[in-house]
PDB file of N, CA and C in Angstrom:
ATOM      1  N   UNK A   1       1.946  13.103  -2.211  1.00  0.00           N
ATOM      2  CA  UNK A   1       0.746  13.185  -2.493  1.00  0.00           C
ATOM      3  C   UNK A   1      -0.740  13.284  -1.880  1.00  0.00           C
ATOM      4  N   UNK A   2      -1.649  14.018  -2.345  1.00  0.00           N
ATOM      5  CA  UNK A   2      -2.886  14.122  -1.367  1.00  0.00           C
ATOM      6  C   UNK A   2      -3.600  12.653  -1.394  1.00  0.00           C
ATOM      7  N   UNK A   3      -4.595  12.772  -0.622  1.00  0.00           N
ATOM      8  CA  UNK A   3      -5.318  11.289   0.071  1.00  0.00           C
ATOM      9  C   UNK A   3      -6.076  11.225  -1.259  1.00  0.00           C
ATOM     10  N   UNK A   4      -7.125  12.391  -2.436  1.00  0.00           N
ATOM     11  CA  UNK A   4      -7.292  11.709  -3.521  1.00  0.00           C
ATOM     12  C   UNK A   4      -6.516  11.231  -4.264  1.00  0.00           C
ATOM     13  N   UNK A   5      -5.298  11.172  -4.475  1.00  0.00           N
ATOM     14  CA  UNK A   5      -4.525  10.122  -5.701  1.00  0.00           C
ATOM     15  C   UNK A   5      -4.548   9.300  -4.705  1.00  0.00           C
ATOM     16  N   UNK A   6      -4.044   8.698  -3.323  1.00  0.00           N
ATOM     17  CA  UNK A   6      -3.245   7.529  -2.982  1.00  0.00           C
ATOM     18  C   UNK A   6      -4.389   6.988  -3.178  1.00  0.00           C
ATOM     19  N   UNK A   7      -6.011   7.162  -2.629  1.00  0.00           N
ATOM     20  CA  UNK A   7      -7.140   6.742  -3.200  1.00  0.00           C
ATOM     21  C   UNK A   7      -7.163   6.010  -3.930  1.00  0.00           C
ATOM     22  N   UNK A   8      -7.115   6.885  -5.156  1.00  0.00           N
ATOM     23  CA  UNK A   8      -6.913   6.240  -7.034  1.00  0.00           C
ATOM     24  C   UNK A   8      -6.606   5.378  -7.417  1.00  0.00           C
ATOM     25  N   UNK A   9      -4.697   5.311  -6.457  1.00  0.00           N
ATOM     26  CA  UNK A   9      -4.008   4.293  -6.525  1.00  0.00           C
ATOM     27  C   UNK A   9      -4.458   3.073  -6.133  1.00  0.00           C
ATOM     28  N   UNK A  10      -5.105   2.987  -5.325  1.00  0.00           N
ATOM     29  CA  UNK A  10      -5.085   1.240  -4.561  1.00  0.00           C
ATOM     30  C   UNK A  10      -4.766   1.875  -3.206  1.00  0.00           C
ATOM     31  N   UNK A  11      -3.962   2.423  -2.928  1.00  0.00           N
ATOM     32  CA  UNK A  11      -2.950   2.426  -2.254  1.00  0.00           C
ATOM     33  C   UNK A  11      -4.089   3.379  -0.559  1.00  0.00           C
ATOM     34  N   UNK A  12      -3.538   1.993   0.215  1.00  0.00           N
ATOM     35  CA  UNK A  12      -5.165   2.592   1.787  1.00  0.00           C
ATOM     36  C   UNK A  12      -4.254   2.849   2.762  1.00  0.00           C
ATOM     37  N   UNK A  13      -4.926   2.939   3.690  1.00  0.00           N
ATOM     38  CA  UNK A  13      -4.225   3.624   5.586  1.00  0.00           C
ATOM     39  C   UNK A  13      -4.144   1.820   5.599  1.00  0.00           C
ATOM     40  N   UNK A  14      -2.878   1.942   5.917  1.00  0.00           N
ATOM     41  CA  UNK A  14      -2.722   0.767   6.970  1.00  0.00           C
ATOM     42  C   UNK A  14      -4.031   0.016   8.153  1.00  0.00           C
ATOM     43  N   UNK A  15      -4.354   1.056   8.431  1.00  0.00           N
ATOM     44  CA  UNK A  15      -5.458   0.915   9.628  1.00  0.00           C
ATOM     45  C   UNK A  15      -6.580   0.283   8.941  1.00  0.00           C
ATOM     46  N   UNK A  16      -6.359   0.133   7.202  1.00  0.00           N
ATOM     47  CA  UNK A  16      -7.793  -0.893   6.838  1.00  0.00           C
ATOM     48  C   UNK A  16      -8.043  -2.194   6.307  1.00  0.00           C
ATOM     49  N   UNK A  17      -6.571  -2.350   6.989  1.00  0.00           N
ATOM     50  CA  UNK A  17      -5.644  -3.654   6.919  1.00  0.00           C
ATOM     51  C   UNK A  17      -6.029  -4.603   7.797  1.00  0.00           C
ATOM     52  N   UNK A  18      -6.461  -6.019   7.781  1.00  0.00           N
ATOM     53  CA  UNK A  18      -6.860  -6.537   8.734  1.00  0.00           C
ATOM     54  C   UNK A  18      -5.399  -7.827   9.357  1.00  0.00           C
ATOM     55  N   UNK A  19      -5.646  -8.137  10.641  1.00  0.00           N
ATOM     56  CA  UNK A  19      -4.873  -8.961  11.214  1.00  0.00           C
ATOM     57  C   UNK A  19      -4.114 -10.033  10.427  1.00  0.00           C
ATOM     58  N   UNK A  20      -2.520  -9.808  10.253  1.00  0.00           N
ATOM     59  CA  UNK A  20      -1.913 -11.385   9.914  1.00  0.00           C
ATOM     60  C   UNK A  20      -1.198 -11.110   8.359  1.00  0.00           C
ATOM     61  N   UNK A  21      -2.116  -9.237   7.888  1.00  0.00           N
ATOM     62  CA  UNK A  21      -2.054  -8.921   6.096  1.00  0.00           C
ATOM     63  C   UNK A  21      -0.697  -8.321   5.912  1.00  0.00           C
ATOM     64  N   UNK A  22       0.168  -8.713   4.927  1.00  0.00           N
ATOM     65  CA  UNK A  22       1.331  -7.848   4.812  1.00  0.00           C
ATOM     66  C   UNK A  22       1.574  -7.261   3.506  1.00  0.00           C
ATOM     67  N   UNK A  23       1.647  -5.824   4.243  1.00  0.00           N
ATOM     68  CA  UNK A  23       2.007  -5.153   2.498  1.00  0.00           C
ATOM     69  C   UNK A  23       3.250  -3.869   2.627  1.00  0.00           C
ATOM     70  N   UNK A  24       3.071  -2.868   1.265  1.00  0.00           N
ATOM     71  CA  UNK A  24       4.789  -2.538   1.135  1.00  0.00           C
ATOM     72  C   UNK A  24       4.208  -0.792   1.783  1.00  0.00           C
ATOM     73  N   UNK A  25       4.874  -0.227   2.256  1.00  0.00           N
ATOM     74  CA  UNK A  25       4.882   1.042   2.816  1.00  0.00           C
ATOM     75  C   UNK A  25       4.744   2.150   1.411  1.00  0.00           C
ATOM     76  N   UNK A  26       3.895   2.622   0.730  1.00  0.00           N
ATOM     77  CA  UNK A  26       3.824   3.198   0.005  1.00  0.00           C
ATOM     78  C   UNK A  26       4.319   5.084  -0.257  1.00  0.00           C
ATOM     79  N   UNK A  27       3.885   5.320   0.743  1.00  0.00           N
ATOM     80  CA  UNK A  27       3.863   7.088   1.790  1.00  0.00           C
ATOM     81  C   UNK A  27       3.357   7.174   2.736  1.00  0.00           C
ATOM     82  N   UNK A  28       3.496   8.245   3.311  1.00  0.00           N
ATOM     83  CA  UNK A  28       3.635   8.250   4.273  1.00  0.00           C
ATOM     84  C   UNK A  28       3.191   9.973   4.428  1.00  0.00           C
ATOM     85  N   UNK A  29       1.824  10.130   5.026  1.00  0.00           N
ATOM     86  CA  UNK A  29       1.085  11.252   5.482  1.00  0.00           C
ATOM     87  C   UNK A  29       2.271  12.871   5.745  1.00  0.00           C
ATOM     88  N   UNK A  30       2.704  13.537   5.488  1.00  0.00           N
ATOM     89  CA  UNK A  30       3.523  14.428   6.270  1.00  0.00           C
ATOM     90  C   UNK A  30       2.885  15.873   6.269  1.00  0.00           C
ATOM     91  N   UNK A  31       1.646  15.627   6.502  1.00  0.00           N
ATOM     92  CA  UNK A  31       0.828  17.421   7.022  1.00  0.00           C
ATOM     93  C   UNK A  31       1.443  17.395   9.260  1.00  0.00           C
ATOM     94  N   UNK A  32       1.800  16.315   9.097  1.00  0.00           N
ATOM     95  CA  UNK A  32       2.598  16.571  10.634  1.00  0.00           C
ATOM     96  C   UNK A  32       3.456  16.424  10.731  1.00  0.00           C
ATOM     97  N   UNK A  33       4.691  17.211  11.141  1.00  0.00           N
ATOM     98  CA  UNK A  33       5.696  16.722  11.611  1.00  0.00           C
ATOM     99  C   UNK A  33       6.390  15.942  12.470  1.00  0.00           C
ATOM    100  N   UNK A  34       5.448  16.552  13.266  1.00  0.00           N
ATOM    101  CA  UNK A  34       5.803  15.393  14.628  1.00  0.00           C
ATOM    102  C   UNK A  34       5.595  14.211  14.690  1.00  0.00           C
ATOM    103  N   UNK A  35       4.790  13.780  13.695  1.00  0.00           N
ATOM    104  CA  UNK A  35       4.110  12.411  13.820  1.00  0.00           C
ATOM    105  C   UNK A  35       4.887  12.301  12.252  1.00  0.00           C
ATOM    106  N   UNK A  36       5.328  12.339  11.213  1.00  0.00           N
ATOM    107  CA  UNK A  36       6.689  12.088  10.270  1.00  0.00           C
ATOM    108  C   UNK A  36       7.605  11.831  11.032  1.00  0.00           C
ATOM    109  N   UNK A  37       7.872  12.538  12.202  1.00  0.00           N
ATOM    110  CA  UNK A  37       9.423  12.280  12.810  1.00  0.00           C
ATOM    111  C   UNK A  37       9.783  10.601  13.245  1.00  0.00           C
ATOM    112  N   UNK A  38       8.315  10.986  14.026  1.00  0.00           N
ATOM    113  CA  UNK A  38       8.338   9.592  14.762  1.00  0.00           C
ATOM    114  C   UNK A  38       8.424   8.851  13.660  1.00  0.00           C
ATOM    115  N   UNK A  39       7.450   8.822  13.253  1.00  0.00           N
ATOM    116  CA  UNK A  39       7.662   7.192  11.780  1.00  0.00           C
ATOM    117  C   UNK A  39       9.405   6.914  11.160  1.00  0.00           C
ATOM    118  N   UNK A  40       9.637   8.211  11.042  1.00  0.00           N
ATOM    119  CA  UNK A  40      10.866   7.886  10.055  1.00  0.00           C
ATOM    120  C   UNK A  40      12.094   7.372  11.237  1.00  0.00           C
ATOM    121  N   UNK A  41      11.883   7.716  12.445  1.00  0.00           N
ATOM    122  CA  UNK A  41      12.933   7.378  13.604  1.00  0.00           C
ATOM    123  C   UNK A  41      12.714   5.722  13.390  1.00  0.00           C
ATOM    124  N   UNK A  42      11.322   5.276  13.786  1.00  0.00           N
ATOM    125  CA  UNK A  42      11.223   3.771  13.985  1.00  0.00           C
ATOM    126  C   UNK A  42      11.646   2.735  12.323  1.00  0.00           C
ATOM    127  N   UNK A  43      12.004   4.179  11.921  1.00  0.00           N
ATOM    128  CA  UNK A  43      12.452   3.282  10.256  1.00  0.00           C
ATOM    129  C   UNK A  43      11.320   2.582   9.632  1.00  0.00           C
ATOM    130  N   UNK A  44      10.264   3.580   9.629  1.00  0.00           N
ATOM    131  CA  UNK A  44       9.223   3.313   8.596  1.00  0.00           C
ATOM    132  C   UNK A  44       8.616   4.662   7.876  1.00  0.00           C
ATOM    133  N   UNK A  45       9.355   3.440   7.038  1.00  0.00           N
ATOM    134  CA  UNK A  45       9.722   4.240   5.471  1.00  0.00           C
ATOM    135  C   UNK A  45       8.885   3.674   3.901  1.00  0.00           C
ATOM    136  N   UNK A  46       8.692   4.157   3.696  1.00  0.00           N
ATOM    137  CA  UNK A  46       8.471   3.821   2.244  1.00  0.00           C
ATOM    138  C   UNK A  46       9.289   3.057   1.291  1.00  0.00           C
ATOM    139  N   UNK A  47       8.733   1.862   1.056  1.00  0.00           N
ATOM    140  CA  UNK A  47       9.039   0.867  -0.060  1.00  0.00           C
ATOM    141  C   UNK A  47       9.736  -0.318   1.001  1.00  0.00           C
ATOM    142  N   UNK A  48       9.611  -0.470   2.594  1.00  0.00           N
ATOM    143  CA  UNK A  48       9.528  -1.159   3.945  1.00  0.00           C
ATOM    144  C   UNK A  48       8.019  -2.375   3.784  1.00  0.00           C
ATOM    145  N   UNK A  49       8.852  -3.535   4.172  1.00  0.00           N
ATOM    146  CA  UNK A  49       7.915  -4.072   4.182  1.00  0.00           C
ATOM    147  C   UNK A  49       6.968  -3.965   5.743  1.00  0.00           C
ATOM    148  N   UNK A  50       5.864  -4.336   5.578  1.00  0.00           N
ATOM    149  CA  UNK A  50       5.079  -4.262   7.473  1.00  0.00           C
ATOM    150  C   UNK A  50       3.852  -5.491   7.615  1.00  0.00           C
ATOM    151  N   UNK A  51       3.778  -5.721   8.301  1.00  0.00           N
ATOM    152  CA  UNK A  51       3.201  -7.320   8.710  1.00  0.00           C
ATOM    153  C   UNK A  51       1.904  -6.137   9.901  1.00  0.00           C
ATOM    154  N   UNK A  52       0.867  -6.321   9.662  1.00  0.00           N
ATOM    155  CA  UNK A  52      -0.208  -6.071  11.180  1.00  0.00           C
ATOM    156  C   UNK A  52      -0.098  -7.428  12.159  1.00  0.00           C
ATOM    157  N   UNK A  53      -0.034  -7.137  13.383  1.00  0.00           N
ATOM    158  CA  UNK A  53       0.070  -7.932  13.421  1.00  0.00           C
ATOM    159  C   UNK A  53      -1.218  -7.772  14.805  1.00  0.00           C
ATOM    160  N   UNK A  54      -1.571  -6.472  14.962  1.00  0.00           N
ATOM    161  CA  UNK A  54      -2.566  -6.198  16.421  1.00  0.00           C
ATOM    162  C   UNK A  54      -3.310  -4.791  15.517  1.00  0.00           C
ATOM    163  N   UNK A  55      -4.779  -5.239  15.971  1.00  0.00           N
ATOM    164  CA  UNK A  55      -5.554  -3.942  16.019  1.00  0.00           C
ATOM    165  C   UNK A  55      -6.134  -2.998  17.031  1.00  0.00           C
ATOM    166  N   UNK A  56      -6.050  -3.588  17.607  1.00  0.00           N
ATOM    167  CA  UNK A  56      -7.054  -2.707  19.284  1.00  0.00           C
ATOM    168  C   UNK A  56      -6.464  -4.192  20.503  1.00  0.00           C
ATOM    169  N   UNK A  57      -5.743  -2.947  21.908  1.00  0.00           N
ATOM    170  CA  UNK A  57      -6.660  -1.508  21.706  1.00  0.00           C
ATOM    171  C   UNK A  57      -5.451  -0.834  20.807  1.00  0.00           C
ATOM    172  N   UNK A  58      -4.147  -1.246  20.545  1.00  0.00           N
ATOM    173  CA  UNK A  58      -3.358  -0.855  19.982  1.00  0.00           C
ATOM    174  C   UNK A  58      -3.091  -1.076  18.431  1.00  0.00           C
ATOM    175  N   UNK A  59      -2.345  -0.454  17.626  1.00  0.00           N
ATOM    176  CA  UNK A  59      -1.894  -1.113  16.391  1.00  0.00           C
ATOM    177  C   UNK A  59      -0.753  -1.833  16.717  1.00  0.00           C
ATOM    178  N   UNK A  60       0.100  -3.040  16.234  1.00  0.00           N
ATOM    179  CA  UNK A  60       0.996  -3.607  16.661  1.00  0.00           C
ATOM    180  C   UNK A  60       1.465  -4.020  15.177  1.00  0.00           C
ATOM    181  N   UNK A  61       2.588  -3.449  14.775  1.00  0.00           N
ATOM    182  CA  UNK A  61       3.391  -3.535  13.655  1.00  0.00           C
ATOM    183  C   UNK A  61       4.913  -3.651  13.643  1.00  0.00           C
ATOM    184  N   UNK A  62       4.779  -4.829  12.239  1.00  0.00           N
ATOM    185  CA  UNK A  62       6.305  -5.910  12.584  1.00  0.00           C
ATOM    186  C   UNK A  62       6.939  -5.119  11.262  1.00  0.00           C
ATOM    187  N   UNK A  63       8.090  -4.359  11.270  1.00  0.00           N
ATOM    188  CA  UNK A  63       9.382  -3.840  10.437  1.00  0.00           C
ATOM    189  C   UNK A  63      10.101  -4.646  10.865  1.00  0.00           C
ATOM    190  N   UNK A  64      10.911  -5.839   9.534  1.00  0.00           N
ATOM    191  CA  UNK A  64      12.039  -6.256  10.155  1.00  0.00           C
ATOM    192  C   UNK A  64      11.859  -7.110  10.704  1.00  0.00           C
ATOM    193  N   UNK A  65      12.662  -6.450  12.248  1.00  0.00           N
ATOM    194  CA  UNK A  65      12.569  -8.232  13.295  1.00  0.00           C
ATOM    195  C   UNK A  65      12.219  -7.126  13.855  1.00  0.00           C
ATOM    196  N   UNK A  66      11.461  -6.323  13.997  1.00  0.00           N
ATOM    197  CA  UNK A  66      11.257  -5.358  15.401  1.00  0.00           C
ATOM    198  C   UNK A  66       9.525  -5.091  15.073  1.00  0.00           C
ATOM    199  N   UNK A  67       9.168  -5.020  16.537  1.00  0.00           N
ATOM    200  CA  UNK A  67       7.323  -4.399  16.396  1.00  0.00           C
ATOM    201  C   UNK A  67       7.079  -3.336  17.264  1.00  0.00           C
ATOM    202  N   UNK A  68       6.480  -2.731  16.567  1.00  0.00           N
ATOM    203  CA  UNK A  68       5.952  -1.599  17.209  1.00  0.00           C
ATOM    204  C   UNK A  68       4.626  -1.367  17.280  1.00  0.00           C
ATOM    205  N   UNK A  69       4.263  -0.416  18.518  1.00  0.00           N
ATOM    206  CA  UNK A  69       2.705  -0.090  18.873  1.00  0.00           C
ATOM    207  C   UNK A  69       2.867   1.639  18.720  1.00  0.00           C
ATOM    208  N   UNK A  70       1.387   1.499  17.974  1.00  0.00           N
ATOM    209  CA  UNK A  70       1.179   2.617  17.736  1.00  0.00           C
ATOM    210  C   UNK A  70      -0.354   2.715  17.600  1.00  0.00           C
ATOM    211  N   UNK A  71      -0.565   4.118  18.052  1.00  0.00           N
ATOM    212  CA  UNK A  71      -1.816   4.754  18.590  1.00  0.00           C
ATOM    213  C   UNK A  71      -2.582   4.621  16.948  1.00  0.00           C
ATOM    214  N   UNK A  72      -3.913   4.808  16.491  1.00  0.00           N
ATOM    215  CA  UNK A  72      -4.491   4.668  14.918  1.00  0.00           C
ATOM    216  C   UNK A  72      -4.385   6.389  14.293  1.00  0.00           C
ATOM    217  N   UNK A  73      -4.078   7.869  15.100  1.00  0.00           N
ATOM    218  CA  UNK A  73      -3.424   9.287  14.157  1.00  0.00           C
ATOM    219  C   UNK A  73      -2.577   8.179  13.944  1.00  0.00           C
ATOM    220  N   UNK A  74      -1.167   7.684  14.049  1.00  0.00           N
ATOM    221  CA  UNK A  74      -0.224   7.283  13.818  1.00  0.00           C
ATOM    222  C   UNK A  74      -0.007   6.416  12.607  1.00  0.00           C
ATOM    223  N   UNK A  75      -1.256   5.403  12.762  1.00  0.00           N
ATOM    224  CA  UNK A  75      -1.419   4.050  12.001  1.00  0.00           C
ATOM    225  C   UNK A  75      -1.596   4.984  10.662  1.00  0.00           C
ATOM    226  N   UNK A  76      -2.768   5.671  10.562  1.00  0.00           N
ATOM    227  CA  UNK A  76      -3.439   6.146   9.919  1.00  0.00           C
ATOM    228  C   UNK A  76      -2.595   7.203   8.934  1.00  0.00           C
ATOM    229  N   UNK A  77      -1.690   8.155   9.359  1.00  0.00           N
ATOM    230  CA  UNK A  77      -0.795   8.411   8.711  1.00  0.00           C
ATOM    231  C   UNK A  77       0.054   7.434   7.212  1.00  0.00           C
ATOM    232  N   UNK A  78      -0.020   6.377   7.487  1.00  0.00           N
ATOM    233  CA  UNK A  78       1.231   5.087   6.457  1.00  0.00           C
ATOM    234  C   UNK A  78      -0.373   4.574   5.007  1.00  0.00           C
ATOM    235  N   UNK A  79       0.247   5.090   4.680  1.00  0.00           N
ATOM    236  CA  UNK A  79      -0.557   4.389   3.580  1.00  0.00           C
ATOM    237  C   UNK A  79       0.416   3.455   2.670  1.00  0.00           C
ATOM    238  N   UNK A  80      -0.573   1.957   2.736  1.00  0.00           N
ATOM    239  CA  UNK A  80       0.821   0.573   1.853  1.00  0.00           C
ATOM    240  C   UNK A  80      -0.647   0.393   0.504  1.00  0.00           C
ATOM    241  N   UNK A  81       0.512  -0.228   0.013  1.00  0.00           N
ATOM    242  CA  UNK A  81      -0.126  -1.204  -1.113  1.00  0.00           C
ATOM    243  C   UNK A  81      -0.434  -3.033  -0.516  1.00  0.00           C
ATOM    244  N   UNK A  82      -1.121  -3.623  -0.649  1.00  0.00           N
ATOM    245  CA  UNK A  82      -1.371  -5.361  -0.317  1.00  0.00           C
ATOM    246  C   UNK A  82      -0.573  -5.643  -0.869  1.00  0.00           C
ATOM    247  N   UNK A  83      -0.232  -6.815  -0.162  1.00  0.00           N
ATOM    248  CA  UNK A  83       1.032  -7.908  -0.673  1.00  0.00           C
ATOM    249  C   UNK A  83       0.418  -8.640  -1.673  1.00  0.00           C
ATOM    250  N   UNK A  84       0.687  -8.818  -2.749  1.00  0.00           N
ATOM    251  CA  UNK A  84      -0.079  -9.501  -3.688  1.00  0.00           C
ATOM    252  C   UNK A  84       0.223 -11.395  -3.971  1.00  0.00           C
ATOM    253  N   UNK A  85      -0.581 -11.743  -4.133  1.00  0.00           N
ATOM    254  CA  UNK A  85      -0.233 -13.588  -3.330  1.00  0.00           C
ATOM    255  C   UNK A  85       0.070 -14.005  -4.846  1.00  0.00           C
TER     256      UNK A  85
END
């Protein structure tokens, strides 16, 4: 999916969320193969639920029972949908 279509569907980059928010991964930006491989190897896949634990100095994300520290470039490749209350 291209960036414009993702934004039209209310899918946002994970970097736009606040600490403590939970969301569902909708899509991964696939332009950079190394970045995509890294995300896939961490189990960061569309359909998985994810929680933002920290945003600075690096983004700490919890996927299942595992926490990952990623830089902003990698976090910007993750498109999500906010969890509905």
